Amino acid sequence: MAKIAILVSPDSCIPYLCIVMESNQSESISLVSTADGSHSAHSALFGVTYHSTHGAITESGHVFIEHGLGFVKSADKPLSVLETGFGTGLNAFMTLLEAEKSGLNVHYCGLEIYPIDSTTAARVNYPEMLGVRQYSDMFQALHTCAWNLKVAVTPSFSFEKRDESITSFVCEAAFDVIYFDAFDPQTQPELWTEAVMTRMYRSLRHGGVLVTYCAQGQFRRNLRSAGFSTERLPGPPGKREITRAIKI
């Protein structure tokens, strides 16, 4: 994000244009505890939390790991994951742990235009809450590694985070699963449109899946208009249903 200011030089009294590039909204982010003890973040900019208050780890495990990665995972071939909304790094971290546990080879791409800062990330309690303190450095590496560059976090988990919006992103037939984790349709309606779902459809390989916590009717119609087959699945605590969409 950029802010434009008209400044006046104290030496010449001549006004000049200053464009200040902002790479994050860290001043607008605060950590909150959820019902399962794990942290989420609250965005003052959007007025919402990044995860369900009924449990951040519980929600991510149910929606994205179980019904997303679990649906496509295979030890016989590499898997590519796209996340729309890298956020606190919870979904990426839990995918890394699942890759280690199940012997998966995963490439993970996370999109984020409002990243949290490394100081806030260092306070997030996911390694402790998941019982994997030995992976704390790897969790921090997700936040501190370079942008727009593929890095090997472990021998079986490569990671790339891009400062790019999903409204412009497309990478033809590159992914096996999409974790669609944008803020809800009321907060960011422009991210849940048929046009964006068409981009997501194009980004998936044949038989790939998009999974999300949202089960809104219009959103599901947008998925079907984009070419997906959709199904409702039981939701995590506090959520009756979630959506999984398959590229057919």
Foldseek 3Di string as FASTA:
>chain_A
DWDWDWDADPVPRDIDIDIDDDQADQVQWDWDAACLGFIWIAGNVLGGTLADSNHRLQQLCPFPVCVACVVDFDLVDAFEEEEEDCELVNNVVVVVVVCVVVVHQYEYEYEDRHYHALVNSLPGCVCVSVVNPVCSVLSSCLRPPDAPDWDPSDPRYIYHYHHDHLLPDADAQAGQEYEYRDPDCVRPVVCLALSSLLRVLRRHHAFGKYWYLDDDPRSVVSNVVSQWDKDWDQGGPPGGTIMMTTRD
